[in-house]
């Protein structure tokens, strides 16, 4: 199985293991991981509905890194244009545009922050930099889908 991993993959896995901080939160681990791997530029792709929270994260990360953030409405592409449907209304989410924006800013590590299901998949596929998810969108469970999973597995 080890042959599935390149030397670079194994180096990143070692850095991830070295970044684990027992009893610490994921943001602290992310900061340590970025430091351990020499990352200088971090990107945050976030849902427009979580702008305030994304800016709080950006402020925290900016103490040690160059941080670029981009919301899901980047480029202001209309839904009718994106979906080729004249009846569609409003501004469409643009996960490929978010990935492109962060690539143009040479980010070395990207964070998916509250993107919608499907949009997060497109963002991850289009991102040239490695991507980690910090927040998933789950309106019912206050963005913590584990609560529902835990409830259904304990029944």
C-alpha atoms as a PDB file:
ATOM      1  CA  UNK A   1       0.000   0.000   0.000  1.00  0.00           C
ATOM      2  CA  UNK A   2       2.835   2.425   0.706  1.00  0.00           C
ATOM      3  CA  UNK A   3       3.610   2.452  -3.029  1.00  0.00           C
ATOM      4  CA  UNK A   4       0.416   4.498  -3.503  1.00  0.00           C
ATOM      5  CA  UNK A   5       2.218   7.474  -1.957  1.00  0.00           C
ATOM      6  CA  UNK A   6       4.918   9.651  -3.449  1.00  0.00           C
ATOM      7  CA  UNK A   7       7.820  10.903  -1.357  1.00  0.00           C
ATOM      8  CA  UNK A   8       6.074  14.298  -1.281  1.00  0.00           C
ATOM      9  CA  UNK A   9       2.836  12.669  -0.043  1.00  0.00           C
ATOM     10  CA  UNK A  10       4.716  10.944   2.773  1.00  0.00           C
ATOM     11  CA  UNK A  11       6.479  14.178   3.679  1.00  0.00           C
ATOM     12  CA  UNK A  12       3.100  15.935   3.984  1.00  0.00           C
ATOM     13  CA  UNK A  13       1.659  13.085   6.024  1.00  0.00           C
ATOM     14  CA  UNK A  14       4.628  13.299   8.407  1.00  0.00           C
ATOM     15  CA  UNK A  15       4.086  17.073   8.707  1.00  0.00           C
ATOM     16  CA  UNK A  16       0.397  16.465   9.449  1.00  0.00           C
ATOM     17  CA  UNK A  17       1.251  13.950  12.151  1.00  0.00           C
ATOM     18  CA  UNK A  18       3.808  16.333  13.629  1.00  0.00           C
ATOM     19  CA  UNK A  19       1.115  19.041  13.672  1.00  0.00           C
ATOM     20  CA  UNK A  20      -1.313  17.139  15.881  1.00  0.00           C
ATOM     21  CA  UNK A  21      -1.869  18.951  19.116  1.00  0.00           C
ATOM     22  CA  UNK A  22      -3.749  16.764  21.553  1.00  0.00           C
ATOM     23  CA  UNK A  23      -6.529  18.742  23.134  1.00  0.00           C
ATOM     24  CA  UNK A  24      -6.140  21.609  20.654  1.00  0.00           C
ATOM     25  CA  UNK A  25      -8.582  22.823  18.039  1.00  0.00           C
ATOM     26  CA  UNK A  26      -8.348  22.348  14.287  1.00  0.00           C
ATOM     27  CA  UNK A  27      -7.339  25.959  13.616  1.00  0.00           C
ATOM     28  CA  UNK A  28      -4.322  25.556  15.911  1.00  0.00           C
ATOM     29  CA  UNK A  29      -3.430  22.328  14.100  1.00  0.00           C
ATOM     30  CA  UNK A  30      -3.846  24.033  10.717  1.00  0.00           C
ATOM     31  CA  UNK A  31      -1.484  26.826  11.763  1.00  0.00           C
ATOM     32  CA  UNK A  32       1.083  24.336  12.997  1.00  0.00           C
ATOM     33  CA  UNK A  33       0.749  22.263   9.801  1.00  0.00           C
ATOM     34  CA  UNK A  34       1.298  25.352   7.642  1.00  0.00           C
ATOM     35  CA  UNK A  35       4.343  26.306   9.690  1.00  0.00           C
ATOM     36  CA  UNK A  36       5.745  22.749   9.530  1.00  0.00           C
ATOM     37  CA  UNK A  37       5.392  22.634   5.734  1.00  0.00           C
ATOM     38  CA  UNK A  38       6.748  26.125   5.090  1.00  0.00           C
ATOM     39  CA  UNK A  39       3.451  27.520   3.790  1.00  0.00           C
ATOM     40  CA  UNK A  40       3.486  31.312   3.528  1.00  0.00           C
ATOM     41  CA  UNK A  41       0.245  31.997   1.582  1.00  0.00           C
ATOM     42  CA  UNK A  42      -3.135  30.613   2.640  1.00  0.00           C
ATOM     43  CA  UNK A  43      -6.427  30.926   0.784  1.00  0.00           C
ATOM     44  CA  UNK A  44      -9.922  30.854   2.255  1.00  0.00           C
ATOM     45  CA  UNK A  45     -12.850  30.045  -0.048  1.00  0.00           C
ATOM     46  CA  UNK A  46     -15.993  30.812   1.888  1.00  0.00           C
ATOM     47  CA  UNK A  47     -19.737  31.056   1.607  1.00  0.00           C
ATOM     48  CA  UNK A  48     -20.944  34.650   1.423  1.00  0.00           C
ATOM     49  CA  UNK A  49     -23.213  33.813   4.376  1.00  0.00           C
ATOM     50  CA  UNK A  50     -20.137  33.124   6.514  1.00  0.00           C
ATOM     51  CA  UNK A  51     -18.148  36.224   5.614  1.00  0.00           C
ATOM     52  CA  UNK A  52     -17.922  37.463   9.197  1.00  0.00           C
ATOM     53  CA  UNK A  53     -16.564  34.131  10.452  1.00  0.00           C
ATOM     54  CA  UNK A  54     -14.173  33.804   7.488  1.00  0.00           C
ATOM     55  CA  UNK A  55     -12.803  37.282   8.208  1.00  0.00           C
ATOM     56  CA  UNK A  56     -12.227  36.295  11.845  1.00  0.00           C
ATOM     57  CA  UNK A  57     -10.233  33.294  10.631  1.00  0.00           C
ATOM     58  CA  UNK A  58      -8.355  35.477   8.137  1.00  0.00           C
ATOM     59  CA  UNK A  59      -7.426  37.884  10.928  1.00  0.00           C
ATOM     60  CA  UNK A  60      -6.115  35.057  13.085  1.00  0.00           C
ATOM     61  CA  UNK A  61      -4.095  33.496  10.246  1.00  0.00           C
ATOM     62  CA  UNK A  62      -2.765  36.896   9.119  1.00  0.00           C
ATOM     63  CA  UNK A  63      -0.667  37.021  12.280  1.00  0.00           C
ATOM     64  CA  UNK A  64       1.666  34.478  10.641  1.00  0.00           C
ATOM     65  CA  UNK A  65       0.720  34.167   6.951  1.00  0.00           C
ATOM     66  CA  UNK A  66      -0.346  36.089   3.867  1.00  0.00           C
ATOM     67  CA  UNK A  67      -4.038  35.295   3.608  1.00  0.00           C
ATOM     68  CA  UNK A  68      -6.366  35.673   0.629  1.00  0.00           C
ATOM     69  CA  UNK A  69     -10.101  35.177   0.951  1.00  0.00           C
ATOM     70  CA  UNK A  70     -12.785  34.942  -1.678  1.00  0.00           C
ATOM     71  CA  UNK A  71     -16.529  34.530  -1.256  1.00  0.00           C
ATOM     72  CA  UNK A  72     -18.728  32.232  -3.314  1.00  0.00           C
ATOM     73  CA  UNK A  73     -20.286  35.074  -5.315  1.00  0.00           C
ATOM     74  CA  UNK A  74     -16.880  35.995  -6.776  1.00  0.00           C
ATOM     75  CA  UNK A  75     -17.159  37.393 -10.287  1.00  0.00           C
ATOM     76  CA  UNK A  76     -20.860  38.180  -9.850  1.00  0.00           C
ATOM     77  CA  UNK A  77     -21.900  35.660 -12.501  1.00  0.00           C
ATOM     78  CA  UNK A  78     -25.664  35.605 -12.836  1.00  0.00           C
ATOM     79  CA  UNK A  79     -27.476  32.328 -12.292  1.00  0.00           C
ATOM     80  CA  UNK A  80     -29.130  32.656 -15.690  1.00  0.00           C
ATOM     81  CA  UNK A  81     -25.689  32.968 -17.340  1.00  0.00           C
ATOM     82  CA  UNK A  82     -24.118  30.159 -15.294  1.00  0.00           C
ATOM     83  CA  UNK A  83     -26.986  27.711 -15.812  1.00  0.00           C
ATOM     84  CA  UNK A  84     -27.941  28.872 -19.315  1.00  0.00           C
ATOM     85  CA  UNK A  85     -31.487  29.329 -18.023  1.00  0.00           C
ATOM     86  CA  UNK A  86     -33.258  32.651 -18.546  1.00  0.00           C
ATOM     87  CA  UNK A  87     -35.654  32.054 -15.646  1.00  0.00           C
ATOM     88  CA  UNK A  88     -32.868  31.582 -13.065  1.00  0.00           C
ATOM     89  CA  UNK A  89     -32.444  34.601 -10.806  1.00  0.00           C
ATOM     90  CA  UNK A  90     -29.712  36.153  -8.699  1.00  0.00           C
ATOM     91  CA  UNK A  91     -25.978  35.760  -8.538  1.00  0.00           C
ATOM     92  CA  UNK A  92     -24.619  32.233  -8.838  1.00  0.00           C
ATOM     93  CA  UNK A  93     -22.017  30.663  -6.614  1.00  0.00           C
ATOM     94  CA  UNK A  94     -18.715  30.336  -8.444  1.00  0.00           C
ATOM     95  CA  UNK A  95     -16.499  27.646  -6.843  1.00  0.00           C
ATOM     96  CA  UNK A  96     -14.265  27.306  -9.927  1.00  0.00           C
ATOM     97  CA  UNK A  97     -13.813  31.085  -9.879  1.00  0.00           C
ATOM     98  CA  UNK A  98     -12.863  30.921  -6.189  1.00  0.00           C
ATOM     99  CA  UNK A  99     -10.215  28.286  -6.953  1.00  0.00           C
ATOM    100  CA  UNK A 100      -8.927  30.347  -9.870  1.00  0.00           C
ATOM    101  CA  UNK A 101      -8.715  33.507  -7.741  1.00  0.00           C
ATOM    102  CA  UNK A 102      -6.674  31.719  -5.073  1.00  0.00           C
ATOM    103  CA  UNK A 103      -4.441  30.147  -7.731  1.00  0.00           C
ATOM    104  CA  UNK A 104      -3.810  33.587  -9.248  1.00  0.00           C
ATOM    105  CA  UNK A 105      -2.696  34.703  -5.784  1.00  0.00           C
ATOM    106  CA  UNK A 106      -0.312  31.741  -5.513  1.00  0.00           C
ATOM    107  CA  UNK A 107      -1.791  30.284  -2.357  1.00  0.00           C
ATOM    108  CA  UNK A 108       0.020  27.207  -1.072  1.00  0.00           C
ATOM    109  CA  UNK A 109      -2.774  25.858   1.138  1.00  0.00           C
ATOM    110  CA  UNK A 110      -6.496  26.494   0.724  1.00  0.00           C
ATOM    111  CA  UNK A 111      -9.338  26.247   3.213  1.00  0.00           C
ATOM    112  CA  UNK A 112     -12.905  25.343   2.265  1.00  0.00           C
ATOM    113  CA  UNK A 113     -15.091  27.301   4.673  1.00  0.00           C
ATOM    114  CA  UNK A 114     -18.834  26.632   4.620  1.00  0.00           C
ATOM    115  CA  UNK A 115     -19.244  26.001   0.895  1.00  0.00           C
ATOM    116  CA  UNK A 116     -22.449  24.306  -0.241  1.00  0.00           C
ATOM    117  CA  UNK A 117     -22.509  20.591  -1.011  1.00  0.00           C
ATOM    118  CA  UNK A 118     -21.305  20.153  -4.566  1.00  0.00           C
ATOM    119  CA  UNK A 119     -19.709  23.574  -4.675  1.00  0.00           C
ATOM    120  CA  UNK A 120     -17.111  22.326  -2.184  1.00  0.00           C
ATOM    121  CA  UNK A 121     -16.439  19.347  -4.457  1.00  0.00           C
ATOM    122  CA  UNK A 122     -15.907  21.580  -7.481  1.00  0.00           C
ATOM    123  CA  UNK A 123     -13.686  23.922  -5.468  1.00  0.00           C
ATOM    124  CA  UNK A 124     -11.559  21.005  -4.246  1.00  0.00           C
ATOM    125  CA  UNK A 125     -11.223  19.574  -7.754  1.00  0.00           C
ATOM    126  CA  UNK A 126     -10.252  22.938  -9.268  1.00  0.00           C
ATOM    127  CA  UNK A 127      -7.912  24.074  -6.503  1.00  0.00           C
ATOM    128  CA  UNK A 128      -4.278  23.715  -7.507  1.00  0.00           C
ATOM    129  CA  UNK A 129      -3.122  24.062  -3.909  1.00  0.00           C
ATOM    130  CA  UNK A 130      -3.875  21.339  -1.359  1.00  0.00           C
ATOM    131  CA  UNK A 131      -7.218  21.989   0.326  1.00  0.00           C
ATOM    132  CA  UNK A 132      -8.533  21.243   3.787  1.00  0.00           C
ATOM    133  CA  UNK A 133     -12.086  21.706   5.006  1.00  0.00           C
ATOM    134  CA  UNK A 134     -12.564  23.738   8.143  1.00  0.00           C
ATOM    135  CA  UNK A 135     -16.348  24.269   8.114  1.00  0.00           C
ATOM    136  CA  UNK A 136     -19.004  22.329   6.226  1.00  0.00           C
ATOM    137  CA  UNK A 137     -22.400  23.791   5.506  1.00  0.00           C
ATOM    138  CA  UNK A 138     -25.118  22.058   7.519  1.00  0.00           C
ATOM    139  CA  UNK A 139     -27.870  24.492   8.357  1.00  0.00           C
ATOM    140  CA  UNK A 140     -29.850  22.054  10.499  1.00  0.00           C
ATOM    141  CA  UNK A 141     -26.966  21.117  12.786  1.00  0.00           C
ATOM    142  CA  UNK A 142     -25.226  24.488  13.037  1.00  0.00           C
ATOM    143  CA  UNK A 143     -22.545  23.374  10.561  1.00  0.00           C
ATOM    144  CA  UNK A 144     -21.647  20.256  12.528  1.00  0.00           C
ATOM    145  CA  UNK A 145     -23.059  17.242  10.627  1.00  0.00           C
ATOM    146  CA  UNK A 146     -21.338  14.909  13.063  1.00  0.00           C
ATOM    147  CA  UNK A 147     -24.139  15.624  15.552  1.00  0.00           C
ATOM    148  CA  UNK A 148     -26.681  13.972  13.216  1.00  0.00           C
ATOM    149  CA  UNK A 149     -24.312  11.118  12.361  1.00  0.00           C
ATOM    150  CA  UNK A 150     -23.619  10.488  16.018  1.00  0.00           C
ATOM    151  CA  UNK A 151     -27.342  10.536  16.856  1.00  0.00           C
ATOM    152  CA  UNK A 152     -28.211   7.998  14.130  1.00  0.00           C
ATOM    153  CA  UNK A 153     -25.362   5.613  15.001  1.00  0.00           C
ATOM    154  CA  UNK A 154     -26.182   5.601  18.726  1.00  0.00           C
ATOM    155  CA  UNK A 155     -29.830   4.646  18.155  1.00  0.00           C
END
